[in-house]
PDB file of all heavy atoms in Angstrom:
ATOM      1  N   LYS A   1       2.123 -10.488 -13.455  1.00  0.00           N
ATOM      2  CA  LYS A   1       0.748 -10.778 -13.872  1.00  0.00           C
ATOM      3  C   LYS A   1       0.054 -11.693 -12.862  1.00  0.00           C
ATOM      4  O   LYS A   1      -1.117 -11.490 -12.523  1.00  0.00           O
ATOM      5  CB  LYS A   1       0.740 -11.424 -15.253  1.00  0.00           C
ATOM      6  CG  LYS A   1      -0.663 -11.622 -15.823  1.00  0.00           C
ATOM      7  CD  LYS A   1      -0.633 -12.218 -17.210  1.00  0.00           C
ATOM      8  CE  LYS A   1      -2.046 -12.301 -17.793  1.00  0.00           C
ATOM      9  NZ  LYS A   1      -2.964 -13.041 -16.917  1.00  0.00           N
ATOM     10  N   SER A   2       0.766 -12.717 -12.384  1.00  0.00           N
ATOM     11  CA  SER A   2       0.157 -13.648 -11.432  1.00  0.00           C
ATOM     12  C   SER A   2      -0.175 -12.946 -10.108  1.00  0.00           C
ATOM     13  O   SER A   2      -1.232 -13.189  -9.509  1.00  0.00           O
ATOM     14  CB  SER A   2       1.090 -14.839 -11.177  1.00  0.00           C
ATOM     15  OG  SER A   2       2.330 -14.400 -10.625  1.00  0.00           O
ATOM     16  N   GLU A   3       0.732 -12.061  -9.662  1.00  0.00           N
ATOM     17  CA  GLU A   3       0.483 -11.316  -8.425  1.00  0.00           C
ATOM     18  C   GLU A   3      -0.689 -10.352  -8.592  1.00  0.00           C
ATOM     19  O   GLU A   3      -1.527 -10.210  -7.691  1.00  0.00           O
ATOM     20  CB  GLU A   3       1.741 -10.538  -8.018  1.00  0.00           C
ATOM     21  CG  GLU A   3       2.877 -11.408  -7.534  1.00  0.00           C
ATOM     22  CD  GLU A   3       4.147 -10.611  -7.291  1.00  0.00           C
ATOM     23  OE1 GLU A   3       4.378  -9.614  -8.007  1.00  0.00           O
ATOM     24  OE2 GLU A   3       4.915 -10.980  -6.383  1.00  0.00           O
ATOM     25  N   ALA A   4      -0.767  -9.726  -9.761  1.00  0.00           N
ATOM     26  CA  ALA A   4      -1.858  -8.788 -10.031  1.00  0.00           C
ATOM     27  C   ALA A   4      -3.198  -9.516 -10.087  1.00  0.00           C
ATOM     28  O   ALA A   4      -4.202  -9.040  -9.544  1.00  0.00           O
ATOM     29  CB  ALA A   4      -1.598  -8.051 -11.336  1.00  0.00           C
ATOM     30  N   ASP A   5      -3.216 -10.687 -10.724  1.00  0.00           N
ATOM     31  CA  ASP A   5      -4.459 -11.463 -10.814  1.00  0.00           C
ATOM     32  C   ASP A   5      -4.934 -11.896  -9.427  1.00  0.00           C
ATOM     33  O   ASP A   5      -6.132 -11.852  -9.125  1.00  0.00           O
ATOM     34  CB  ASP A   5      -4.254 -12.697 -11.698  1.00  0.00           C
ATOM     35  CG  ASP A   5      -4.094 -12.325 -13.172  1.00  0.00           C
ATOM     36  OD1 ASP A   5      -4.486 -11.197 -13.539  1.00  0.00           O
ATOM     37  OD2 ASP A   5      -3.562 -13.154 -13.938  1.00  0.00           O
ATOM     38  N   LYS A   6      -3.988 -12.303  -8.590  1.00  0.00           N
ATOM     39  CA  LYS A   6      -4.336 -12.725  -7.228  1.00  0.00           C
ATOM     40  C   LYS A   6      -4.894 -11.552  -6.422  1.00  0.00           C
ATOM     41  O   LYS A   6      -5.870 -11.696  -5.659  1.00  0.00           O
ATOM     42  CB  LYS A   6      -3.094 -13.297  -6.538  1.00  0.00           C
ATOM     43  CG  LYS A   6      -3.369 -13.939  -5.191  1.00  0.00           C
ATOM     44  CD  LYS A   6      -2.086 -14.479  -4.555  1.00  0.00           C
ATOM     45  CE  LYS A   6      -1.496 -15.586  -5.405  1.00  0.00           C
ATOM     46  NZ  LYS A   6      -0.290 -16.190  -4.761  1.00  0.00           N
ATOM     47  N   LEU A   7      -4.294 -10.372  -6.618  1.00  0.00           N
ATOM     48  CA  LEU A   7      -4.758  -9.184  -5.903  1.00  0.00           C
ATOM     49  C   LEU A   7      -6.158  -8.782  -6.369  1.00  0.00           C
ATOM     50  O   LEU A   7      -7.015  -8.407  -5.559  1.00  0.00           O
ATOM     51  CB  LEU A   7      -3.778  -8.031  -6.114  1.00  0.00           C
ATOM     52  CG  LEU A   7      -4.023  -6.759  -5.303  1.00  0.00           C
ATOM     53  CD1 LEU A   7      -3.940  -7.053  -3.810  1.00  0.00           C
ATOM     54  CD2 LEU A   7      -3.010  -5.684  -5.666  1.00  0.00           C
ATOM     55  N   LYS A   8      -6.410  -8.873  -7.671  1.00  0.00           N
ATOM     56  CA  LYS A   8      -7.724  -8.531  -8.209  1.00  0.00           C
ATOM     57  C   LYS A   8      -8.805  -9.461  -7.653  1.00  0.00           C
ATOM     58  O   LYS A   8      -9.926  -9.034  -7.352  1.00  0.00           O
ATOM     59  CB  LYS A   8      -7.701  -8.597  -9.734  1.00  0.00           C
ATOM     60  CG  LYS A   8      -6.897  -7.485 -10.389  1.00  0.00           C
ATOM     61  CD  LYS A   8      -6.821  -7.678 -11.891  1.00  0.00           C
ATOM     62  CE  LYS A   8      -5.961  -6.617 -12.547  1.00  0.00           C
ATOM     63  NZ  LYS A   8      -5.813  -6.833 -14.005  1.00  0.00           N
ATOM     64  N   GLN A   9      -8.474 -10.754  -7.524  1.00  0.00           N
ATOM     65  CA  GLN A   9      -9.416 -11.714  -6.955  1.00  0.00           C
ATOM     66  C   GLN A   9      -9.734 -11.370  -5.504  1.00  0.00           C
ATOM     67  O   GLN A   9     -10.885 -11.457  -5.063  1.00  0.00           O
ATOM     68  CB  GLN A   9      -8.843 -13.129  -7.052  1.00  0.00           C
ATOM     69  CG  GLN A   9      -8.750 -13.661  -8.466  1.00  0.00           C
ATOM     70  CD  GLN A   9      -8.036 -15.002  -8.540  1.00  0.00           C
ATOM     71  OE1 GLN A   9      -7.637 -15.573  -7.530  1.00  0.00           O
ATOM     72  NE2 GLN A   9      -7.857 -15.513  -9.756  1.00  0.00           N
ATOM     73  N   LYS A  10      -8.713 -10.945  -4.770  1.00  0.00           N
ATOM     74  CA  LYS A  10      -8.910 -10.549  -3.379  1.00  0.00           C
ATOM     75  C   LYS A  10      -9.806  -9.327  -3.283  1.00  0.00           C
ATOM     76  O   LYS A  10     -10.722  -9.266  -2.455  1.00  0.00           O
ATOM     77  CB  LYS A  10      -7.554 -10.260  -2.731  1.00  0.00           C
ATOM     78  CG  LYS A  10      -7.633  -9.786  -1.284  1.00  0.00           C
ATOM     79  CD  LYS A  10      -6.256  -9.471  -0.740  1.00  0.00           C
ATOM     80  CE  LYS A  10      -6.340  -8.907   0.675  1.00  0.00           C
ATOM     81  NZ  LYS A  10      -4.988  -8.566   1.203  1.00  0.00           N
ATOM     82  N   TYR A  11      -9.563  -8.338  -4.151  1.00  0.00           N
ATOM     83  CA  TYR A  11     -10.381  -7.126  -4.150  1.00  0.00           C
ATOM     84  C   TYR A  11     -11.824  -7.440  -4.539  1.00  0.00           C
ATOM     85  O   TYR A  11     -12.772  -6.879  -3.990  1.00  0.00           O
ATOM     86  CB  TYR A  11      -9.802  -6.093  -5.122  1.00  0.00           C
ATOM     87  CG  TYR A  11      -8.523  -5.433  -4.644  1.00  0.00           C
ATOM     88  CD1 TYR A  11      -7.696  -4.733  -5.528  1.00  0.00           C
ATOM     89  CD2 TYR A  11      -8.141  -5.516  -3.304  1.00  0.00           C
ATOM     90  CE1 TYR A  11      -6.530  -4.125  -5.092  1.00  0.00           C
ATOM     91  CE2 TYR A  11      -6.971  -4.915  -2.869  1.00  0.00           C
ATOM     92  CZ  TYR A  11      -6.167  -4.218  -3.768  1.00  0.00           C
ATOM     93  OH  TYR A  11      -5.023  -3.617  -3.333  1.00  0.00           O
ATOM     94  N   ALA A  12     -11.993  -8.339  -5.518  1.00  0.00           N
ATOM     95  CA  ALA A  12     -13.341  -8.705  -5.959  1.00  0.00           C
ATOM     96  C   ALA A  12     -14.116  -9.388  -4.848  1.00  0.00           C
ATOM     97  O   ALA A  12     -15.332  -9.217  -4.712  1.00  0.00           O
ATOM     98  CB  ALA A  12     -13.250  -9.613  -7.184  1.00  0.00           C
ATOM     99  N   LYS A  13     -13.405 -10.131  -4.012  1.00  0.00           N
ATOM    100  CA  LYS A  13     -14.053 -10.871  -2.925  1.00  0.00           C
ATOM    101  C   LYS A  13     -14.337  -9.987  -1.720  1.00  0.00           C
ATOM    102  O   LYS A  13     -15.434 -10.025  -1.143  1.00  0.00           O
ATOM    103  CB  LYS A  13     -13.167 -12.045  -2.505  1.00  0.00           C
ATOM    104  CG  LYS A  13     -13.746 -12.883  -1.384  1.00  0.00           C
ATOM    105  CD  LYS A  13     -12.816 -14.034  -1.027  1.00  0.00           C
ATOM    106  CE  LYS A  13     -13.387 -14.858   0.127  1.00  0.00           C
ATOM    107  NZ  LYS A  13     -12.484 -15.984   0.503  1.00  0.00           N
ATOM    108  N   ASN A  14     -13.359  -9.176  -1.337  1.00  0.00           N
ATOM    109  CA  ASN A  14     -13.465  -8.409  -0.089  1.00  0.00           C
ATOM    110  C   ASN A  14     -13.755  -6.925  -0.292  1.00  0.00           C
ATOM    111  O   ASN A  14     -13.965  -6.199   0.683  1.00  0.00           O
ATOM    112  CB  ASN A  14     -12.165  -8.550   0.722  1.00  0.00           C
ATOM    113  CG  ASN A  14     -11.826  -9.991   1.029  1.00  0.00           C
ATOM    114  OD1 ASN A  14     -12.708 -10.782   1.328  1.00  0.00           O
ATOM    115  ND2 ASN A  14     -10.555 -10.341   0.942  1.00  0.00           N
ATOM    116  N   GLY A  15     -13.731  -6.467  -1.550  1.00  0.00           N
ATOM    117  CA  GLY A  15     -13.881  -5.035  -1.794  1.00  0.00           C
ATOM    118  C   GLY A  15     -12.532  -4.342  -1.723  1.00  0.00           C
ATOM    119  O   GLY A  15     -11.600  -4.845  -1.097  1.00  0.00           O
ATOM    120  N   ASN A  16     -12.431  -3.207  -2.365  1.00  0.00           N
ATOM    121  CA  ASN A  16     -11.139  -2.507  -2.381  1.00  0.00           C
ATOM    122  C   ASN A  16     -11.266  -1.050  -1.973  1.00  0.00           C
ATOM    123  O   ASN A  16     -10.486  -0.196  -2.388  1.00  0.00           O
ATOM    124  CB  ASN A  16     -10.475  -2.622  -3.754  1.00  0.00           C
ATOM    125  CG  ASN A  16     -11.281  -1.926  -4.851  1.00  0.00           C
ATOM    126  OD1 ASN A  16     -12.498  -1.839  -4.775  1.00  0.00           O
ATOM    127  ND2 ASN A  16     -10.591  -1.439  -5.872  1.00  0.00           N
ATOM    128  N   ARG A  17     -12.253  -0.743  -1.141  1.00  0.00           N
ATOM    129  CA  ARG A  17     -12.361   0.608  -0.604  1.00  0.00           C
ATOM    130  C   ARG A  17     -11.177   0.876   0.322  1.00  0.00           C
ATOM    131  O   ARG A  17     -10.830   0.046   1.157  1.00  0.00           O
ATOM    132  CB  ARG A  17     -13.669   0.758   0.169  1.00  0.00           C
ATOM    133  CG  ARG A  17     -13.838   2.122   0.819  1.00  0.00           C
ATOM    134  CD  ARG A  17     -15.058   2.149   1.719  1.00  0.00           C
ATOM    135  NE  ARG A  17     -15.193   3.430   2.404  1.00  0.00           N
ATOM    136  CZ  ARG A  17     -16.055   3.644   3.394  1.00  0.00           C
ATOM    137  NH1 ARG A  17     -16.843   2.678   3.811  1.00  0.00           N
ATOM    138  NH2 ARG A  17     -16.117   4.841   3.954  1.00  0.00           N
ATOM    139  N   ASP A  18     -10.561   2.029   0.173  1.00  0.00           N
ATOM    140  CA  ASP A  18      -9.419   2.401   1.020  1.00  0.00           C
ATOM    141  C   ASP A  18      -9.848   3.554   1.923  1.00  0.00           C
ATOM    142  O   ASP A  18      -9.731   4.724   1.566  1.00  0.00           O
ATOM    143  CB  ASP A  18      -8.218   2.809   0.161  1.00  0.00           C
ATOM    144  CG  ASP A  18      -6.922   2.871   0.972  1.00  0.00           C
ATOM    145  OD1 ASP A  18      -7.009   3.131   2.181  1.00  0.00           O
ATOM    146  OD2 ASP A  18      -5.848   2.657   0.390  1.00  0.00           O
ATOM    147  N   TYR A  19     -10.343   3.203   3.105  1.00  0.00           N
ATOM    148  CA  TYR A  19     -10.849   4.226   4.021  1.00  0.00           C
ATOM    149  C   TYR A  19      -9.736   5.136   4.512  1.00  0.00           C
ATOM    150  O   TYR A  19      -9.940   6.315   4.776  1.00  0.00           O
ATOM    151  CB  TYR A  19     -11.546   3.565   5.210  1.00  0.00           C
ATOM    152  CG  TYR A  19     -12.253   4.548   6.109  1.00  0.00           C
ATOM    153  CD1 TYR A  19     -13.453   5.141   5.707  1.00  0.00           C
ATOM    154  CD2 TYR A  19     -11.723   4.905   7.342  1.00  0.00           C
ATOM    155  CE1 TYR A  19     -14.096   6.056   6.514  1.00  0.00           C
ATOM    156  CE2 TYR A  19     -12.362   5.818   8.157  1.00  0.00           C
ATOM    157  CZ  TYR A  19     -13.550   6.388   7.744  1.00  0.00           C
ATOM    158  OH  TYR A  19     -14.181   7.303   8.538  1.00  0.00           O
ATOM    159  N   ARG A  20      -8.530   4.582   4.591  1.00  0.00           N
ATOM    160  CA  ARG A  20      -7.365   5.384   5.016  1.00  0.00           C
ATOM    161  C   ARG A  20      -7.166   6.565   4.080  1.00  0.00           C
ATOM    162  O   ARG A  20      -7.003   7.714   4.525  1.00  0.00           O
ATOM    163  CB  ARG A  20      -6.128   4.486   5.022  1.00  0.00           C
ATOM    164  CG  ARG A  20      -4.803   5.196   5.226  1.00  0.00           C
ATOM    165  CD  ARG A  20      -3.662   4.244   4.983  1.00  0.00           C
ATOM    166  NE  ARG A  20      -3.743   3.670   3.645  1.00  0.00           N
ATOM    167  CZ  ARG A  20      -2.993   2.647   3.238  1.00  0.00           C
ATOM    168  NH1 ARG A  20      -2.158   2.074   4.054  1.00  0.00           N
ATOM    169  NH2 ARG A  20      -3.101   2.189   1.995  1.00  0.00           N
ATOM    170  N   ASN A  21      -7.195   6.312   2.770  1.00  0.00           N
ATOM    171  CA  ASN A  21      -7.000   7.386   1.807  1.00  0.00           C
ATOM    172  C   ASN A  21      -8.202   8.323   1.741  1.00  0.00           C
ATOM    173  O   ASN A  21      -8.054   9.509   1.434  1.00  0.00           O
ATOM    174  CB  ASN A  21      -6.698   6.808   0.422  1.00  0.00           C
ATOM    175  CG  ASN A  21      -5.245   6.411   0.271  1.00  0.00           C
ATOM    176  OD1 ASN A  21      -4.486   6.464   1.238  1.00  0.00           O
ATOM    177  ND2 ASN A  21      -4.848   6.016  -0.914  1.00  0.00           N
ATOM    178  N   GLU A  22      -9.396   7.803   2.024  1.00  0.00           N
ATOM    179  CA  GLU A  22     -10.563   8.672   2.108  1.00  0.00           C
ATOM    180  C   GLU A  22     -10.350   9.712   3.209  1.00  0.00           C
ATOM    181  O   GLU A  22     -10.708  10.886   3.055  1.00  0.00           O
ATOM    182  CB  GLU A  22     -11.831   7.861   2.383  1.00  0.00           C
ATOM    183  CG  GLU A  22     -12.298   7.038   1.197  1.00  0.00           C
ATOM    184  CD  GLU A  22     -13.567   6.273   1.501  1.00  0.00           C
ATOM    185  OE1 GLU A  22     -14.148   6.472   2.589  1.00  0.00           O
ATOM    186  OE2 GLU A  22     -13.991   5.462   0.658  1.00  0.00           O
ATOM    187  N   CYS A  23      -9.763   9.279   4.320  1.00  0.00           N
ATOM    188  CA  CYS A  23      -9.464  10.197   5.430  1.00  0.00           C
ATOM    189  C   CYS A  23      -8.444  11.248   5.006  1.00  0.00           C
ATOM    190  O   CYS A  23      -8.588  12.439   5.314  1.00  0.00           O
ATOM    191  CB  CYS A  23      -8.934   9.419   6.642  1.00  0.00           C
ATOM    192  SG  CYS A  23     -10.152   8.388   7.470  1.00  0.00           S
ATOM    193  N   ILE A  24      -7.397  10.798   4.297  1.00  0.00           N
ATOM    194  CA  ILE A  24      -6.358  11.720   3.842  1.00  0.00           C
ATOM    195  C   ILE A  24      -6.951  12.757   2.886  1.00  0.00           C
ATOM    196  O   ILE A  24      -6.674  13.958   2.994  1.00  0.00           O
ATOM    197  CB  ILE A  24      -5.215  10.951   3.146  1.00  0.00           C
ATOM    198  CG1 ILE A  24      -4.469  10.085   4.167  1.00  0.00           C
ATOM    199  CG2 ILE A  24      -4.248  11.915   2.462  1.00  0.00           C
ATOM    200  CD1 ILE A  24      -3.443   9.158   3.551  1.00  0.00           C
ATOM    201  N   ASN A  25      -7.765  12.300   1.941  1.00  0.00           N
ATOM    202  CA  ASN A  25      -8.358  13.213   0.959  1.00  0.00           C
ATOM    203  C   ASN A  25      -9.326  14.192   1.610  1.00  0.00           C
ATOM    204  O   ASN A  25      -9.409  15.362   1.206  1.00  0.00           O
ATOM    205  CB  ASN A  25      -9.063  12.419  -0.137  1.00  0.00           C
ATOM    206  CG  ASN A  25      -8.082  11.773  -1.102  1.00  0.00           C
ATOM    207  OD1 ASN A  25      -7.097  12.388  -1.491  1.00  0.00           O
ATOM    208  ND2 ASN A  25      -8.331  10.541  -1.476  1.00  0.00           N
ATOM    209  N   GLU A  26     -10.052  13.735   2.620  1.00  0.00           N
ATOM    210  CA  GLU A  26     -10.965  14.627   3.331  1.00  0.00           C
ATOM    211  C   GLU A  26     -10.190  15.700   4.077  1.00  0.00           C
ATOM    212  O   GLU A  26     -10.577  16.878   4.089  1.00  0.00           O
ATOM    213  CB  GLU A  26     -11.830  13.818   4.306  1.00  0.00           C
ATOM    214  CG  GLU A  26     -12.878  14.631   5.049  1.00  0.00           C
ATOM    215  CD  GLU A  26     -13.922  15.247   4.134  1.00  0.00           C
ATOM    216  OE1 GLU A  26     -14.119  14.732   3.014  1.00  0.00           O
ATOM    217  OE2 GLU A  26     -14.544  16.258   4.550  1.00  0.00           O
ATOM    218  N   PHE A  27      -9.054  15.302   4.676  1.00  0.00           N
ATOM    219  CA  PHE A  27      -8.201  16.285   5.354  1.00  0.00           C
ATOM    220  C   PHE A  27      -7.672  17.315   4.358  1.00  0.00           C
ATOM    221  O   PHE A  27      -7.702  18.522   4.614  1.00  0.00           O
ATOM    222  CB  PHE A  27      -7.032  15.595   6.051  1.00  0.00           C
ATOM    223  CG  PHE A  27      -5.950  16.553   6.485  1.00  0.00           C
ATOM    224  CD1 PHE A  27      -6.126  17.354   7.601  1.00  0.00           C
ATOM    225  CD2 PHE A  27      -4.783  16.681   5.750  1.00  0.00           C
ATOM    226  CE1 PHE A  27      -5.145  18.256   7.996  1.00  0.00           C
ATOM    227  CE2 PHE A  27      -3.795  17.589   6.127  1.00  0.00           C
ATOM    228  CZ  PHE A  27      -3.982  18.374   7.258  1.00  0.00           C
ATOM    229  N   LEU A  28      -7.163  16.835   3.211  1.00  0.00           N
ATOM    230  CA  LEU A  28      -6.614  17.748   2.205  1.00  0.00           C
ATOM    231  C   LEU A  28      -7.677  18.717   1.694  1.00  0.00           C
ATOM    232  O   LEU A  28      -7.391  19.892   1.455  1.00  0.00           O
ATOM    233  CB  LEU A  28      -6.028  16.948   1.043  1.00  0.00           C
ATOM    234  CG  LEU A  28      -4.738  16.172   1.332  1.00  0.00           C
ATOM    235  CD1 LEU A  28      -4.368  15.301   0.144  1.00  0.00           C
ATOM    236  CD2 LEU A  28      -3.607  17.126   1.668  1.00  0.00           C
ATOM    237  N   LYS A  29      -8.897  18.226   1.537  1.00  0.00           N
ATOM    238  CA  LYS A  29      -9.986  19.079   1.072  1.00  0.00           C
ATOM    239  C   LYS A  29     -10.267  20.193   2.077  1.00  0.00           C
ATOM    240  O   LYS A  29     -10.367  21.381   1.719  1.00  0.00           O
ATOM    241  CB  LYS A  29     -11.245  18.237   0.852  1.00  0.00           C
ATOM    242  CG  LYS A  29     -12.444  19.018   0.367  1.00  0.00           C
ATOM    243  CD  LYS A  29     -13.646  18.096   0.186  1.00  0.00           C
ATOM    244  CE  LYS A  29     -14.871  18.875  -0.239  1.00  0.00           C
ATOM    245  NZ  LYS A  29     -16.067  17.989  -0.396  1.00  0.00           N
TER     246      LYS A  29
END
């Protein structure tokens, strides 16, 4: 729970867009 809360705070601050996976999904499409 503590690790998850810390990760959520990081995502809230910096954003959690994963451009790497966007590239993978575009390739698969």
